[in-house]
Amino acid sequence: MRRVFALISVTIWLVALVGARAEASCTCWCVDGELQPLCSSAMEIAPICPPRICPIVAPSIAPIRPPTIPPLGTSSCRQAQVCDFSGNCQWQQVCQ
């Protein structure tokens, strides 16, 4: 349940930050220095991200999270630094 709330919170934050329409569910973000699509649902088709250079992320230690079961449609989750193209980064749980 906590994971669902976190995913919803991240999605709302991403939509507010990017200024995208509320219907958009997949967006390209820099994750640990690599550009990749982040989707709000595992059922969405991930877009092909255009080539772009991600900002350099200062080294830091990921926050400790208790083990949880990945959401439906995903096989694993991990902590990753997710950055916008201005270099604003934060630790988030990313599931694949």
Protein backbone atom coordinates (compact mmCIF):
# COMPACT_ATOMS: atom_id res chain seq x y z
CA MET A 1 0.00 0.00 0.00
CA ARG A 2 2.87 2.32 0.82
CA ARG A 3 4.37 1.64 -2.61
CA VAL A 4 1.11 2.54 -4.37
CA PHE A 5 0.94 5.79 -2.42
CA ALA A 6 4.59 6.54 -3.26
CA LEU A 7 4.00 5.82 -6.94
CA ILE A 8 0.94 8.09 -6.99
CA SER A 9 2.85 10.82 -5.16
CA VAL A 10 5.77 10.60 -7.60
CA THR A 11 3.41 10.70 -10.57
CA ILE A 12 1.63 13.80 -9.26
CA TRP A 13 4.98 15.45 -8.54
CA LEU A 14 6.28 14.63 -12.02
CA VAL A 15 3.17 15.98 -13.72
CA ALA A 16 3.31 19.17 -11.68
CA LEU A 17 7.04 19.61 -12.31
CA VAL A 18 6.94 19.04 -16.05
CA GLY A 19 3.63 20.78 -16.58
CA ALA A 20 2.44 17.86 -18.68
CA ARG A 21 -1.20 17.02 -19.18
CA ALA A 22 -2.78 14.80 -16.51
CA GLU A 23 -3.35 12.03 -19.08
CA ALA A 24 0.38 11.57 -19.67
CA SER A 25 1.50 8.46 -17.85
CA CYS A 26 5.01 7.87 -19.24
CA THR A 27 7.77 10.48 -19.30
CA CYS A 28 11.50 10.32 -19.99
CA TRP A 29 13.68 11.11 -16.95
CA CYS A 30 17.33 10.77 -16.02
CA VAL A 31 17.65 7.78 -13.67
CA ASP A 32 21.11 7.20 -12.18
CA GLY A 33 22.65 9.17 -15.06
CA GLU A 34 20.79 7.40 -17.88
CA LEU A 35 17.72 8.58 -19.75
CA GLN A 36 14.82 6.16 -19.44
CA PRO A 37 11.02 6.24 -19.46
CA LEU A 38 9.15 6.27 -16.14
CA CYS A 39 5.52 5.18 -16.30
CA SER A 40 2.83 5.50 -13.65
CA SER A 41 1.45 2.07 -14.57
CA ALA A 42 3.16 -1.16 -15.60
CA MET A 43 0.44 -1.58 -18.24
CA GLU A 44 1.51 1.53 -20.19
CA ILE A 45 3.72 1.32 -23.26
CA ALA A 46 7.01 3.06 -22.54
CA PRO A 47 8.03 5.69 -25.11
CA ILE A 48 11.38 5.74 -26.88
CA CYS A 49 13.37 8.48 -25.20
CA PRO A 50 15.25 10.91 -27.48
CA PRO A 51 19.02 11.08 -27.04
CA ARG A 52 19.88 13.57 -24.35
CA ILE A 53 22.71 14.14 -21.87
CA CYS A 54 21.74 13.73 -18.23
CA PRO A 55 23.20 16.01 -15.55
CA ILE A 56 26.03 14.69 -13.42
CA VAL A 57 24.69 13.52 -10.07
CA ALA A 58 26.64 14.10 -6.88
CA PRO A 59 27.36 10.82 -5.08
CA SER A 60 25.09 10.04 -2.16
CA ILE A 61 23.78 7.05 -0.26
CA ALA A 62 20.33 5.73 -1.06
CA PRO A 63 17.82 5.86 1.81
CA ILE A 64 17.10 2.54 3.50
CA ARG A 65 13.69 1.16 2.55
CA PRO A 66 12.10 -1.98 3.98
CA PRO A 67 11.69 -4.82 1.47
CA THR A 68 8.31 -4.83 -0.24
CA ILE A 69 6.56 -6.80 -2.96
CA PRO A 70 6.86 -5.21 -6.45
CA PRO A 71 3.59 -3.90 -7.96
CA LEU A 72 1.69 -6.01 -10.49
CA GLY A 73 3.38 -6.08 -13.89
CA THR A 74 6.87 -5.47 -12.50
CA SER A 75 9.55 -7.91 -11.42
CA SER A 76 11.85 -5.80 -9.26
CA CYS A 77 12.23 -2.40 -7.60
CA ARG A 78 15.30 -0.42 -6.55
CA GLN A 79 16.24 2.99 -5.19
CA ALA A 80 17.52 5.35 -7.90
CA GLN A 81 18.34 9.02 -8.22
CA VAL A 82 15.77 10.55 -10.57
CA CYS A 83 16.73 13.94 -12.03
CA ASP A 84 15.02 16.49 -14.21
CA PHE A 85 17.04 18.19 -16.93
CA SER A 86 17.82 21.14 -14.65
CA GLY A 87 19.83 18.86 -12.37
CA ASN A 88 17.28 18.64 -9.55
CA CYS A 89 17.63 15.08 -8.23
CA GLN A 90 15.93 13.02 -5.56
CA TRP A 91 15.91 9.38 -4.47
CA GLN A 92 12.86 7.42 -5.64
CA GLN A 93 11.82 3.82 -5.89
CA VAL A 94 11.91 2.68 -9.54
CA CYS A 95 10.25 -0.60 -10.53
CA GLN A 96 10.85 -2.57 -13.72
